[in-house]
N, C-alpha and C. Protein backbone atom coordinates (compact mmCIF):
# COMPACT_ATOMS: atom_id res chain seq x y z
N MET A 1 -54.23 7.71 -9.07
CA MET A 1 -53.10 7.64 -8.71
C MET A 1 -52.97 6.24 -9.72
N THR A 2 -51.80 5.77 -10.43
CA THR A 2 -51.24 4.85 -11.37
C THR A 2 -50.67 3.67 -10.26
N THR A 3 -51.28 2.97 -10.16
CA THR A 3 -50.94 1.54 -9.52
C THR A 3 -49.41 0.86 -10.77
N TYR A 4 -49.06 0.04 -9.78
CA TYR A 4 -48.12 -0.93 -10.58
C TYR A 4 -48.47 -1.97 -11.44
N SER A 5 -49.65 -2.22 -10.94
CA SER A 5 -50.39 -3.06 -11.45
C SER A 5 -51.01 -2.69 -13.19
N SER A 6 -51.89 -1.19 -13.42
CA SER A 6 -51.61 -1.00 -14.38
C SER A 6 -50.95 -0.21 -15.32
N ILE A 7 -49.71 0.19 -14.39
CA ILE A 7 -48.55 0.46 -15.52
C ILE A 7 -48.04 -0.62 -16.30
N THR A 8 -47.52 -1.89 -15.59
CA THR A 8 -47.46 -3.27 -16.37
C THR A 8 -47.85 -3.39 -17.22
N THR A 9 -49.24 -3.28 -16.80
CA THR A 9 -50.56 -3.76 -18.01
C THR A 9 -50.19 -3.34 -19.08
N TYR A 10 -50.25 -1.86 -19.18
CA TYR A 10 -49.66 -0.81 -19.94
C TYR A 10 -48.50 -1.14 -21.01
N MET A 11 -47.72 -1.02 -20.48
CA MET A 11 -46.01 -1.48 -20.57
C MET A 11 -45.96 -2.77 -21.58
N TYR A 12 -46.81 -4.22 -21.46
CA TYR A 12 -47.16 -5.31 -21.48
C TYR A 12 -47.70 -5.11 -22.78
N TYR A 13 -49.36 -4.35 -22.81
CA TYR A 13 -49.99 -4.31 -24.31
C TYR A 13 -48.82 -3.31 -25.07
N LYS A 14 -48.26 -2.44 -25.10
CA LYS A 14 -47.67 -1.37 -25.62
C LYS A 14 -46.22 -2.36 -26.08
N HIS A 15 -45.88 -3.10 -25.18
CA HIS A 15 -44.87 -3.57 -25.94
C HIS A 15 -45.24 -4.71 -26.77
N ALA A 16 -46.53 -5.82 -26.78
CA ALA A 16 -46.48 -6.54 -27.59
C ALA A 16 -47.31 -5.89 -28.80
N LYS A 17 -47.68 -4.75 -28.64
CA LYS A 17 -48.36 -4.22 -30.27
C LYS A 17 -47.16 -3.99 -31.25
N VAL A 18 -46.00 -3.28 -30.04
CA VAL A 18 -44.64 -3.14 -31.13
C VAL A 18 -44.08 -4.99 -31.60
N ILE A 19 -44.54 -5.29 -30.96
CA ILE A 19 -43.54 -6.66 -31.00
C ILE A 19 -44.43 -7.41 -32.57
N ASN A 20 -45.67 -7.72 -32.20
CA ASN A 20 -46.37 -7.54 -33.67
C ASN A 20 -46.45 -7.18 -34.64
N MET A 21 -45.94 -5.83 -34.79
CA MET A 21 -46.11 -4.72 -35.52
C MET A 21 -44.76 -5.50 -36.36
N ASP A 22 -43.63 -5.43 -35.26
CA ASP A 22 -42.21 -5.99 -36.18
C ASP A 22 -42.49 -7.76 -37.30
N VAL A 23 -43.41 -8.38 -36.73
CA VAL A 23 -43.54 -9.50 -36.57
C VAL A 23 -44.62 -9.65 -37.93
N LYS A 24 -45.64 -8.52 -38.38
CA LYS A 24 -45.99 -8.56 -39.75
C LYS A 24 -45.33 -7.86 -40.38
N GLU A 25 -44.52 -7.12 -40.05
CA GLU A 25 -43.74 -6.51 -41.24
C GLU A 25 -42.54 -7.43 -41.48
N THR A 26 -41.82 -8.57 -40.61
CA THR A 26 -40.91 -9.42 -40.80
C THR A 26 -41.22 -10.50 -41.78
N LEU A 27 -42.87 -10.61 -41.71
CA LEU A 27 -43.59 -11.77 -42.72
C LEU A 27 -43.93 -10.92 -44.05
N THR A 28 -43.97 -9.85 -44.03
CA THR A 28 -44.18 -9.16 -45.07
C THR A 28 -43.50 -9.46 -46.14
N GLY A 29 -42.20 -8.91 -45.33
CA GLY A 29 -40.92 -9.05 -45.66
C GLY A 29 -40.27 -10.36 -46.20
N VAL A 30 -40.44 -11.42 -45.54
CA VAL A 30 -39.96 -12.48 -45.66
C VAL A 30 -41.19 -13.25 -47.33
N LEU A 31 -42.39 -12.91 -47.12
CA LEU A 31 -43.05 -13.69 -48.39
C LEU A 31 -42.64 -12.72 -49.42
N GLN A 32 -41.87 -11.74 -49.44
CA GLN A 32 -41.61 -11.47 -50.53
C GLN A 32 -39.88 -11.43 -51.72
N THR A 33 -39.49 -12.65 -50.89
CA THR A 33 -38.38 -12.85 -51.16
C THR A 33 -38.03 -14.39 -51.49
N ASN A 34 -37.15 -14.79 -52.05
CA ASN A 34 -36.71 -16.02 -52.37
C ASN A 34 -37.27 -17.17 -51.08
N ALA A 35 -36.87 -16.93 -49.97
CA ALA A 35 -37.15 -17.37 -49.24
C ALA A 35 -38.33 -18.12 -48.88
N ALA A 36 -39.06 -17.04 -49.21
CA ALA A 36 -41.00 -17.94 -49.03
C ALA A 36 -40.98 -18.66 -50.14
N VAL A 37 -40.63 -19.03 -51.48
CA VAL A 37 -40.77 -19.59 -52.31
C VAL A 37 -39.85 -21.25 -51.86
N GLU A 38 -39.33 -20.72 -51.32
CA GLU A 38 -38.09 -22.29 -51.24
C GLU A 38 -39.17 -22.51 -49.54
N ILE A 39 -39.53 -22.17 -49.22
CA ILE A 39 -40.89 -22.40 -47.61
C ILE A 39 -41.99 -22.93 -48.65
N MET A 40 -42.29 -22.79 -48.81
CA MET A 40 -43.63 -23.31 -50.06
C MET A 40 -43.50 -24.58 -50.56
N ASN A 41 -41.84 -24.50 -51.51
CA ASN A 41 -41.54 -25.63 -52.13
C ASN A 41 -41.43 -26.68 -50.70
N GLU A 42 -41.05 -26.57 -49.92
CA GLU A 42 -40.47 -27.97 -48.62
C GLU A 42 -42.07 -28.20 -48.32
N ILE A 43 -42.94 -27.05 -48.26
CA ILE A 43 -44.57 -27.38 -47.89
C ILE A 43 -45.08 -28.13 -48.25
N VAL A 44 -44.97 -28.09 -49.56
CA VAL A 44 -45.25 -29.13 -51.10
C VAL A 44 -45.01 -30.32 -51.22
N LEU A 45 -43.45 -30.42 -50.50
CA LEU A 45 -42.70 -31.43 -50.52
C LEU A 45 -42.76 -32.66 -49.53
N HIS A 46 -43.17 -31.77 -48.79
CA HIS A 46 -43.83 -32.80 -47.45
C HIS A 46 -45.35 -32.94 -47.82
N ALA A 47 -46.13 -32.77 -48.60
CA ALA A 47 -47.31 -33.56 -48.40
C ALA A 47 -46.87 -34.03 -49.99
N LEU A 48 -46.67 -33.94 -50.48
CA LEU A 48 -46.19 -35.04 -51.46
C LEU A 48 -45.51 -36.58 -50.82
N GLN A 49 -44.64 -35.95 -50.21
CA GLN A 49 -43.96 -37.42 -49.46
C GLN A 49 -45.39 -38.35 -48.52
N SER A 50 -45.59 -36.92 -47.63
CA SER A 50 -47.21 -37.91 -46.90
C SER A 50 -48.27 -38.61 -47.83
N SER A 51 -48.26 -37.90 -49.00
CA SER A 51 -49.46 -38.29 -49.98
C SER A 51 -48.58 -40.07 -50.24
N ARG A 52 -47.52 -39.97 -50.53
CA ARG A 52 -47.31 -41.14 -51.28
C ARG A 52 -46.53 -42.48 -50.01
N ASP A 53 -46.58 -42.35 -48.77
CA ASP A 53 -46.44 -42.57 -47.58
C ASP A 53 -47.77 -42.82 -47.26
N THR A 54 -48.49 -42.97 -47.22
CA THR A 54 -50.30 -43.35 -47.50
C THR A 54 -50.70 -44.56 -48.45
N CYS A 55 -50.25 -43.62 -50.10
CA CYS A 55 -50.53 -45.13 -50.91
C CYS A 55 -49.92 -46.09 -50.64
N VAL A 56 -48.17 -46.02 -50.03
CA VAL A 56 -47.07 -47.24 -49.80
C VAL A 56 -48.11 -48.07 -48.76
N GLU A 57 -48.33 -47.14 -47.95
CA GLU A 57 -49.39 -48.27 -46.65
C GLU A 57 -50.39 -48.83 -47.17
N MET A 58 -51.22 -48.36 -47.97
CA MET A 58 -52.52 -48.77 -48.28
C MET A 58 -51.95 -49.95 -49.30
N ARG A 59 -51.33 -49.73 -50.39
CA ARG A 59 -50.92 -50.96 -51.08
C ARG A 59 -50.07 -52.25 -50.24
N GLU A 60 -49.02 -52.08 -49.16
CA GLU A 60 -48.98 -53.18 -48.69
C GLU A 60 -50.07 -53.94 -47.24
N LEU A 61 -51.16 -52.75 -47.31
CA LEU A 61 -52.24 -53.79 -46.96
C LEU A 61 -52.91 -54.68 -47.93
N LEU A 62 -52.96 -54.20 -49.21
CA LEU A 62 -53.65 -54.79 -50.05
C LEU A 62 -52.55 -55.87 -50.69
N GLU A 63 -51.37 -56.09 -50.51
CA GLU A 63 -50.99 -57.13 -50.59
C GLU A 63 -50.97 -57.94 -49.42
N ALA A 64 -50.76 -57.58 -48.38
CA ALA A 64 -51.71 -58.61 -47.22
C ALA A 64 -52.54 -59.63 -46.90
N LYS A 65 -53.36 -58.93 -48.13
CA LYS A 65 -54.60 -59.58 -48.57
C LYS A 65 -55.07 -60.41 -49.54
N ARG A 66 -53.60 -60.82 -50.13
CA ARG A 66 -53.89 -62.00 -51.31
C ARG A 66 -54.60 -63.42 -50.26
N ASP A 67 -55.86 -63.83 -51.32
CA ASP A 67 -55.17 -64.85 -50.83
C ASP A 67 -54.50 -66.31 -51.13
N ARG A 68 -54.51 -67.60 -50.67
CA ARG A 68 -53.48 -68.51 -50.58
C ARG A 68 -52.97 -68.83 -51.98
N LYS A 69 -53.45 -68.31 -53.19
CA LYS A 69 -53.01 -68.49 -54.31
C LYS A 69 -52.10 -67.04 -54.64
N GLY A 70 -52.30 -66.10 -54.35
CA GLY A 70 -51.43 -64.58 -54.37
C GLY A 70 -52.30 -63.94 -55.03
N GLN A 71 -53.92 -63.86 -55.14
CA GLN A 71 -54.59 -63.49 -55.76
C GLN A 71 -55.62 -62.32 -54.99
N TRP A 72 -55.84 -61.84 -55.79
CA TRP A 72 -56.97 -60.78 -55.44
C TRP A 72 -58.26 -60.61 -55.97
N SER A 73 -59.49 -60.07 -55.42
CA SER A 73 -60.58 -59.74 -55.79
C SER A 73 -60.29 -58.99 -57.43
N GLY A 74 -61.47 -59.05 -57.52
CA GLY A 74 -61.64 -57.95 -59.07
C GLY A 74 -61.37 -56.83 -58.32
N PRO A 75 -61.80 -56.14 -57.79
CA PRO A 75 -61.91 -54.42 -57.33
C PRO A 75 -60.34 -54.46 -56.45
N GLU A 76 -59.84 -55.43 -55.65
CA GLU A 76 -58.57 -54.98 -55.11
C GLU A 76 -57.41 -54.69 -56.50
N ALA A 77 -57.32 -56.02 -57.35
CA ALA A 77 -56.51 -56.00 -57.94
C ALA A 77 -56.45 -54.36 -58.86
N GLU A 78 -57.56 -54.17 -58.56
CA GLU A 78 -58.22 -52.37 -60.12
C GLU A 78 -57.31 -51.55 -58.53
N ASP A 79 -57.69 -51.62 -57.39
CA ASP A 79 -57.18 -50.97 -56.71
C ASP A 79 -55.23 -50.82 -56.59
N TRP A 80 -54.97 -51.97 -56.85
CA TRP A 80 -53.39 -51.95 -56.09
C TRP A 80 -52.65 -51.34 -57.41
N ALA A 81 -53.12 -51.74 -58.74
CA ALA A 81 -52.52 -51.01 -60.11
C ALA A 81 -52.72 -50.18 -59.68
N SER A 82 -53.66 -48.88 -59.07
CA SER A 82 -53.96 -47.49 -59.21
C SER A 82 -53.21 -47.01 -58.34
N LEU A 83 -52.86 -47.76 -57.37
CA LEU A 83 -52.24 -47.66 -56.07
C LEU A 83 -50.58 -47.28 -56.32
N VAL A 84 -50.04 -48.38 -57.74
CA VAL A 84 -48.62 -48.66 -57.62
C VAL A 84 -48.51 -47.40 -58.88
N GLN A 85 -49.56 -46.96 -59.98
CA GLN A 85 -49.43 -46.09 -60.32
C GLN A 85 -49.27 -44.67 -59.87
N ASP A 86 -50.14 -44.47 -59.05
CA ASP A 86 -49.99 -43.22 -58.00
C ASP A 86 -48.89 -43.32 -57.01
N ILE A 87 -48.06 -44.06 -56.74
CA ILE A 87 -47.17 -43.96 -56.29
C ILE A 87 -45.80 -43.61 -56.91
N ALA A 88 -45.75 -44.17 -58.57
CA ALA A 88 -44.52 -43.90 -59.27
C ALA A 88 -44.70 -42.05 -60.25
N ALA A 89 -46.32 -42.31 -59.78
CA ALA A 89 -46.43 -40.76 -60.61
C ALA A 89 -45.83 -39.65 -59.04
N LEU A 90 -46.41 -39.93 -58.00
CA LEU A 90 -45.62 -39.18 -56.53
C LEU A 90 -44.38 -38.68 -56.83
N ASN A 91 -43.53 -39.99 -57.16
CA ASN A 91 -42.10 -40.41 -56.91
C ASN A 91 -41.46 -39.13 -58.36
N ARG A 92 -41.90 -39.10 -58.88
CA ARG A 92 -41.59 -38.71 -59.98
C ARG A 92 -41.99 -37.23 -60.02
N VAL A 93 -42.96 -36.61 -59.17
CA VAL A 93 -43.08 -34.96 -58.41
C VAL A 93 -42.11 -34.77 -58.02
N ILE A 94 -41.82 -35.66 -56.62
CA ILE A 94 -40.93 -35.23 -55.72
C ILE A 94 -39.61 -35.64 -55.71
N ASP A 95 -39.40 -36.31 -57.32
CA ASP A 95 -37.90 -36.26 -57.74
C ASP A 95 -38.00 -34.65 -58.04
N TYR A 96 -38.85 -34.40 -58.97
CA TYR A 96 -39.04 -32.66 -59.48
C TYR A 96 -39.07 -31.49 -58.40
N TYR A 97 -39.33 -31.52 -57.51
CA TYR A 97 -39.07 -31.08 -56.32
C TYR A 97 -37.74 -31.33 -55.50
N GLY A 98 -37.43 -32.19 -55.65
CA GLY A 98 -35.47 -31.90 -55.20
C GLY A 98 -35.97 -32.85 -53.89
N GLY A 99 -36.55 -33.75 -53.57
CA GLY A 99 -36.86 -35.08 -52.61
C GLY A 99 -36.35 -35.80 -52.71
């Protein structure tokens, strides 16, 4: 004799398997379209913007560390110059991706 519980469990797994197959087929179809390229561009754009924001924050921290004469130590000045160049480069790439 089959109980209500076992029927419900069977139907649940059968339905879950059908949904799972639909998701796999849908994702396979999506990944073969221009939409997938657009999604990847958005992911890359977001990662670039996040990197730029981190560089901006680090630059601002360095600017806050200047001494009373408005100068840094040698390594801090090099770090600041490098961050400024990195921010400019990231801005160019972000502009290329349409950000």
